[in-house]
Protein backbone atom coordinates (compact mmCIF):
# COMPACT_ATOMS: atom_id res chain seq x y z
CA MET A 1 -16.61 -2.91 6.70
CA HIS A 2 -18.32 0.48 6.44
CA ILE A 3 -16.49 3.49 4.99
CA TYR A 4 -17.30 7.02 6.10
CA ARG A 5 -16.04 10.19 4.42
CA GLN A 6 -16.07 12.37 7.53
CA LEU A 7 -16.24 12.08 11.30
CA SER A 8 -19.79 13.38 11.61
CA ASP A 9 -21.12 10.60 9.34
CA PHE A 10 -20.26 7.96 11.92
CA VAL A 11 -22.97 7.17 14.47
CA PRO A 12 -21.75 4.98 17.34
CA HIS A 13 -23.74 1.90 18.26
CA GLY A 14 -22.22 0.58 21.45
CA PRO A 15 -18.61 1.11 22.57
CA THR A 16 -16.17 2.36 19.94
CA VAL A 17 -12.55 1.19 19.87
CA VAL A 18 -10.42 3.60 17.83
CA THR A 19 -6.99 3.48 16.26
CA LEU A 20 -5.36 6.30 14.30
CA GLY A 21 -2.97 6.79 11.39
CA THR A 22 -2.53 6.94 7.65
CA PHE A 23 -1.84 3.18 7.41
CA ASP A 24 -0.24 3.43 3.97
CA GLY A 25 0.65 -0.11 2.97
CA VAL A 26 -1.21 -1.76 5.86
CA HIS A 27 2.12 -3.30 6.80
CA LEU A 28 2.74 -5.76 9.64
CA GLY A 29 2.86 -2.96 12.21
CA HIS A 30 -0.50 -1.62 11.04
CA GLN A 31 -1.90 -5.13 11.08
CA ALA A 32 -0.87 -5.50 14.73
CA LEU A 33 -2.82 -2.35 15.60
CA ILE A 34 -5.90 -3.50 13.70
CA SER A 35 -5.74 -6.94 15.26
CA ARG A 36 -5.60 -5.43 18.74
CA ALA A 37 -8.44 -2.99 17.98
CA VAL A 38 -10.67 -5.77 16.66
CA LEU A 39 -9.94 -7.94 19.69
CA ALA A 40 -10.72 -5.08 22.08
CA ALA A 41 -13.92 -4.22 20.22
CA ARG A 42 -15.12 -7.80 20.38
CA SER A 43 -14.45 -7.99 24.11
CA LEU A 44 -16.47 -4.80 24.64
CA GLY A 45 -19.23 -5.75 22.24
CA GLY A 46 -18.44 -2.69 20.15
CA THR A 47 -17.00 -1.41 16.87
CA ALA A 48 -13.36 -1.31 15.73
CA VAL A 49 -12.73 1.98 13.89
CA LEU A 50 -9.72 3.42 12.08
CA LEU A 51 -9.68 7.19 11.72
CA THR A 52 -7.41 8.31 8.91
CA LEU A 53 -7.05 11.49 6.89
CA GLU A 54 -7.38 12.23 3.17
CA PRO A 55 -5.48 13.59 1.41
CA HIS A 56 -2.28 12.53 3.13
CA PRO A 57 -1.33 15.32 5.59
CA ARG A 58 2.00 15.93 3.82
CA LYS A 59 0.14 17.00 0.68
CA LEU A 60 -1.47 19.90 2.55
CA ILE A 61 1.58 20.91 4.54
CA HIS A 62 4.00 20.50 1.59
CA PRO A 63 1.94 20.77 -1.64
CA ASP A 64 4.95 20.02 -3.86
CA PHE A 65 5.91 16.89 -1.93
CA VAL A 66 5.65 13.76 -4.09
CA LEU A 67 4.38 10.89 -1.97
CA ALA A 68 4.38 7.55 -3.75
CA ARG A 69 1.68 5.56 -2.00
CA LEU A 70 2.10 1.88 -1.22
CA THR A 71 -1.67 1.54 -1.22
CA LEU A 72 -4.18 3.84 -2.81
CA PRO A 73 -7.26 4.56 -0.64
CA GLU A 74 -9.40 1.86 -2.23
CA GLU A 75 -6.59 -0.70 -1.92
CA ARG A 76 -6.03 0.24 1.71
CA ALA A 77 -9.75 -0.19 2.38
CA GLU A 78 -9.73 -3.70 0.90
CA LEU A 79 -6.78 -4.75 3.05
CA LEU A 80 -8.32 -3.26 6.20
CA ALA A 81 -11.61 -5.04 5.56
CA ALA A 82 -9.74 -8.32 5.10
CA ALA A 83 -8.03 -7.69 8.47
CA GLY A 84 -11.43 -7.55 10.19
CA LEU A 85 -11.86 -3.81 10.74
CA ASP A 86 -15.49 -2.74 11.22
CA ALA A 87 -15.35 0.90 10.09
CA LEU A 88 -12.96 3.19 8.25
CA ILE A 89 -13.32 6.97 8.49
CA GLU A 90 -11.42 8.91 5.82
CA HIS A 91 -11.82 12.42 7.22
CA PRO A 92 -10.85 15.41 5.04
CA PHE A 93 -7.54 16.92 6.08
CA THR A 94 -7.95 20.67 5.73
CA ALA A 95 -6.04 23.67 7.06
CA GLU A 96 -8.76 24.14 9.66
CA PHE A 97 -8.55 20.53 10.82
CA ALA A 98 -4.74 20.73 10.90
CA ASN A 99 -5.06 23.56 13.41
CA THR A 100 -7.07 21.44 15.86
CA SER A 101 -5.36 21.17 19.25
CA SER A 102 -4.64 17.76 20.68
CA LEU A 103 -7.14 18.38 23.50
CA GLU A 104 -9.91 19.44 21.12
CA PHE A 105 -9.22 16.48 18.85
CA VAL A 106 -9.68 14.04 21.71
CA ARG A 107 -12.61 15.87 23.35
CA ARG A 108 -14.61 16.84 20.27
CA ASP A 109 -13.70 14.25 17.66
CA LEU A 110 -12.73 11.02 19.38
CA VAL A 111 -14.94 11.13 22.45
CA GLY A 112 -17.67 13.45 21.14
CA HIS A 113 -18.22 12.31 17.54
CA LEU A 114 -17.01 8.73 17.74
CA GLY A 115 -18.12 7.84 21.26
CA MET A 116 -14.67 6.38 21.89
CA LYS A 117 -14.35 4.07 24.88
CA HIS A 118 -10.91 2.67 24.06
CA LEU A 119 -7.96 4.03 22.07
CA ILE A 120 -5.09 2.04 20.60
CA VAL A 121 -2.05 3.84 19.17
CA GLY A 122 1.34 2.91 17.80
CA HIS A 123 4.61 3.38 19.63
CA ASP A 124 5.42 6.72 18.00
CA HIS A 125 2.01 8.22 17.27
CA ARG A 126 1.70 12.00 17.37
CA PHE A 127 -1.46 14.02 16.78
CA GLY A 128 -3.04 17.45 16.94
CA ARG A 129 -1.77 20.86 15.86
CA ASN A 130 1.95 20.75 15.02
CA ARG A 131 1.96 17.10 16.19
CA GLU A 132 1.83 18.37 19.79
CA GLY A 133 0.03 15.34 21.21
CA ASN A 134 1.89 12.27 22.45
CA PHE A 135 1.23 9.18 24.53
CA ALA A 136 1.94 10.93 27.85
CA GLN A 137 -0.72 13.47 27.00
CA LEU A 138 -3.14 10.73 26.01
CA GLN A 139 -2.65 9.13 29.41
CA GLU A 140 -3.80 12.36 31.04
CA PHE A 141 -6.76 12.68 28.69
CA SER A 142 -7.81 9.07 29.32
CA HIS A 143 -8.45 9.87 32.99
CA VAL A 144 -10.35 13.06 32.22
CA PHE A 145 -12.57 11.58 29.49
CA GLU A 146 -12.71 8.04 30.90
CA PHE A 147 -11.49 5.92 28.00
CA GLY A 148 -9.16 2.95 27.94
CA LEU A 149 -5.74 3.38 26.36
CA GLU A 150 -3.14 1.06 24.89
CA GLN A 151 0.17 1.61 23.13
CA VAL A 152 1.23 -1.18 20.78
CA GLU A 153 4.96 -1.75 20.60
CA ALA A 154 6.80 -1.46 17.30
CA VAL A 155 6.98 -4.44 14.99
CA ASN A 156 10.61 -4.86 13.98
CA ALA A 157 12.20 -6.05 10.77
CA GLY A 158 15.95 -6.46 10.61
CA GLY A 159 16.32 -4.87 14.03
CA THR A 160 14.50 -1.63 13.17
CA ALA A 161 10.88 -0.56 13.56
CA LEU A 162 8.70 -0.97 10.50
CA SER A 163 7.55 2.20 8.77
CA SER A 164 5.80 3.04 5.52
CA THR A 165 8.66 5.42 4.72
CA LYS A 166 11.23 2.59 4.88
CA ILE A 167 9.05 0.31 2.80
CA ARG A 168 8.59 3.00 0.14
CA ALA A 169 12.37 3.34 -0.01
CA ALA A 170 12.77 -0.42 -0.42
CA VAL A 171 10.30 -0.44 -3.32
CA ALA A 172 11.94 2.57 -4.97
CA GLU A 173 15.31 0.83 -4.78
CA GLY A 174 13.98 -2.42 -6.23
CA ARG A 175 14.27 -4.31 -2.95
CA VAL A 176 10.83 -5.84 -3.38
CA ARG A 177 11.61 -8.90 -1.25
CA ASP A 178 12.47 -6.63 1.69
CA ALA A 179 9.25 -4.71 1.10
CA ALA A 180 7.23 -7.93 1.07
CA ALA A 181 8.78 -9.06 4.35
CA SER A 182 7.54 -5.83 6.00
CA LEU A 183 4.17 -5.74 4.27
CA GLY A 184 3.36 -9.38 4.88
CA ARG A 185 2.65 -9.73 1.13
CA PRO A 186 4.28 -8.64 -2.14
CA HIS A 187 3.97 -5.02 -3.21
CA PHE A 188 1.46 -4.76 -6.07
CA VAL A 189 0.23 -2.32 -8.69
CA ARG A 190 -3.05 -2.33 -10.58
CA GLY A 191 -3.82 -1.27 -14.11
CA GLU A 192 -5.22 -2.69 -17.30
CA VAL A 193 -3.88 -4.46 -20.37
CA VAL A 194 -3.20 -1.91 -23.11
CA PRO A 195 -1.80 -2.16 -26.65
CA GLY A 196 1.97 -2.01 -26.90
CA ARG A 197 4.46 -1.59 -29.74
CA GLY A 198 4.80 -5.30 -30.46
CA ILE A 199 8.44 -5.38 -29.43
CA GLY A 200 8.08 -8.47 -27.24
CA ARG A 201 6.09 -10.31 -29.89
CA ASN A 202 8.76 -9.64 -32.50
CA LEU A 203 11.36 -11.10 -30.15
CA GLY A 204 9.26 -14.21 -29.54
CA TYR A 205 8.04 -13.15 -26.08
CA ARG A 206 4.53 -11.71 -26.10
CA THR A 207 3.91 -9.29 -23.26
CA ALA A 208 0.94 -7.74 -21.52
CA ASN A 209 1.56 -4.02 -21.36
CA VAL A 210 0.05 -2.63 -18.17
CA GLY A 211 -1.30 0.92 -18.41
CA GLY A 212 -3.65 3.05 -16.38
CA ILE A 213 -1.50 2.81 -13.24
CA HIS A 214 -2.40 5.59 -10.83
CA PRO A 215 0.27 8.32 -10.82
CA ASP A 216 0.43 8.31 -7.01
CA LYS A 217 1.27 4.61 -6.85
CA ALA A 218 4.73 3.60 -5.60
CA MET A 219 6.63 1.98 -8.45
CA PRO A 220 9.81 -0.09 -8.18
CA ALA A 221 13.20 0.81 -9.57
CA PHE A 222 13.66 0.28 -13.28
CA GLY A 223 14.58 -3.33 -13.92
CA VAL A 224 13.45 -6.89 -14.49
CA TYR A 225 11.40 -8.72 -11.86
CA ALA A 226 9.87 -12.11 -11.18
CA VAL A 227 6.17 -11.37 -10.76
CA ARG A 228 2.76 -12.90 -10.39
CA LEU A 229 -0.17 -11.45 -12.30
CA ASP A 230 -3.89 -11.59 -11.57
CA PHE A 231 -6.61 -10.83 -14.08
CA CYS A 232 -9.04 -9.02 -11.79
CA ASP A 233 -12.24 -9.67 -13.71
CA GLU A 234 -14.66 -12.55 -13.43
CA ALA A 235 -12.91 -14.50 -16.16
CA GLY A 236 -9.65 -14.71 -14.21
CA PRO A 237 -7.24 -16.44 -14.10
CA ARG A 238 -5.03 -15.43 -11.20
CA ASN A 239 -1.59 -16.09 -9.72
CA LEU A 240 0.04 -16.37 -13.11
CA ALA A 241 3.84 -16.63 -13.19
CA GLY A 242 5.60 -13.95 -15.16
CA VAL A 243 8.70 -11.87 -15.76
CA ALA A 244 8.24 -8.10 -15.90
CA ASN A 245 10.30 -5.24 -17.21
CA TYR A 246 9.67 -1.80 -15.80
CA GLY A 247 11.50 1.10 -17.35
CA VAL A 248 12.05 3.15 -20.48
CA ARG A 249 13.32 0.32 -22.74
CA PRO A 250 16.60 2.02 -23.70
CA SER A 251 17.39 -0.51 -26.40
CA PHE A 252 14.54 0.82 -28.53
CA GLY A 253 14.63 4.57 -27.92
CA SER A 254 11.15 4.43 -26.47
CA GLY A 255 11.36 7.82 -24.77
CA SER A 256 11.27 8.82 -21.14
CA GLU A 257 7.83 7.48 -20.17
CA PRO A 258 8.26 4.31 -18.07
CA VAL A 259 6.42 1.20 -19.24
CA LEU A 260 5.46 -1.92 -17.29
CA GLU A 261 5.28 -5.01 -19.47
CA VAL A 262 4.77 -8.58 -18.29
CA HIS A 263 5.60 -11.76 -20.16
CA LEU A 264 3.50 -14.59 -18.76
CA LEU A 265 5.50 -17.80 -18.52
CA ASP A 266 2.77 -20.36 -19.08
CA ILE A 267 -0.12 -18.72 -20.94
CA GLU A 268 -0.53 -15.97 -23.51
CA ALA A 269 -2.02 -12.70 -22.28
CA GLN A 270 -5.15 -11.70 -24.17
CA GLY A 271 -7.81 -9.03 -23.96
CA TYR A 272 -7.08 -5.32 -24.02
CA GLY A 273 -8.83 -3.38 -21.28
CA ARG A 274 -8.84 -6.22 -18.78
CA PRO A 275 -7.97 -5.14 -15.21
CA VAL A 276 -4.85 -6.71 -13.76
CA ALA A 277 -2.75 -6.64 -10.62
CA VAL A 278 0.99 -7.25 -10.78
CA ARG A 279 2.75 -8.49 -7.64
CA PHE A 280 6.51 -7.97 -7.51
CA ILE A 281 8.13 -11.11 -6.08
CA ASP A 282 11.86 -10.65 -6.66
CA PHE A 283 14.35 -8.36 -8.41
CA ILE A 284 16.33 -10.07 -11.17
CA ARG A 285 18.47 -7.35 -12.73
CA ALA A 286 18.64 -3.65 -13.55
CA GLU A 287 17.40 -2.36 -16.87
CA GLN A 288 20.14 -2.14 -19.48
CA ARG A 289 20.69 -1.27 -23.11
CA PHE A 290 21.41 -3.97 -25.69
CA GLU A 291 23.13 -3.28 -29.00
CA THR A 292 21.23 -5.88 -31.03
CA PRO A 293 17.82 -7.56 -30.90
CA GLN A 294 19.60 -10.92 -30.69
CA ALA A 295 21.50 -9.87 -27.56
CA LEU A 296 18.25 -8.75 -25.96
CA GLN A 297 16.48 -11.94 -27.02
CA GLU A 298 19.20 -14.06 -25.42
CA GLN A 299 19.00 -12.03 -22.21
CA ILE A 300 15.22 -12.36 -22.08
CA ALA A 301 15.62 -16.15 -22.29
CA ARG A 302 17.95 -16.00 -19.29
CA ASP A 303 15.50 -13.71 -17.46
CA VAL A 304 12.65 -16.15 -18.07
CA ALA A 305 14.68 -19.04 -16.69
CA GLU A 306 15.73 -17.00 -13.67
CA ALA A 307 12.14 -15.88 -13.03
CA ARG A 308 10.95 -19.49 -13.07
CA ALA A 309 13.62 -20.42 -10.54
CA ARG A 310 12.80 -17.46 -8.26
CA LEU A 311 9.06 -18.08 -8.38
CA ALA A 312 9.53 -21.77 -7.63
CA ARG A 313 11.13 -20.71 -4.33
CA ASN A 314 8.40 -18.19 -3.45
């Protein structure tokens, strides 16, 4: 998959099939759009392209808005490439671009720059200045500019349409199994192994402290989770069973900065600075304060047993 940083960098070679959106999370609904775009591109002998915007439009319109991203741009690109997309255009979202009318966007950008011959959009897609463009308008434009048009129906989960907003809420509330059902995979975060305070080691449970997590990344509610961890370097290994605590460790007065620490169930974590990915499989319990190290140690033993049981079922 080729990645382009602006519309004008893309040079069409044959018919271009386009889909649009931020695609945060690349959830099952996004995957349906990509699948349809790739299929259409193959039938036309052309290129399947996703046009997205960076930074996220909300950051320009509401600068103080905190948007926890399910997937950072590089993570999104990896998932899109795995889904078979041919090209990703991450066009800068500026005040000038935000003021583009829906007609000009289709005429100049989609048809003019991209050479679009077919457009595939989601069930609720809006576009152009003040989100003025809708599917009815696209139907009119398709006749004027002679491109094919499809609207992909919503993918439902639990009777409601999937959305990145709902998945972010599930993650923030610790409902990581619900998030995984909508994403088609567990929610994950990436970082690196960093030195900790030795608390887990003193309790008999060595942990890998994960630091360097991007501040824009969506993090789960404070608590204990069954997880799987990948060492993302050549040495591996991957898919390691673990139990993670994410929170401020109230039993030890660690301060207000949240910490993600993972106890691996079957091997000992080694090597500071190694890149890792932590996949959240299931929520076990909320974070809580313990009055004595012994009480915490006993609870950790129960958490380890529960994590083994949960992971055996997933």
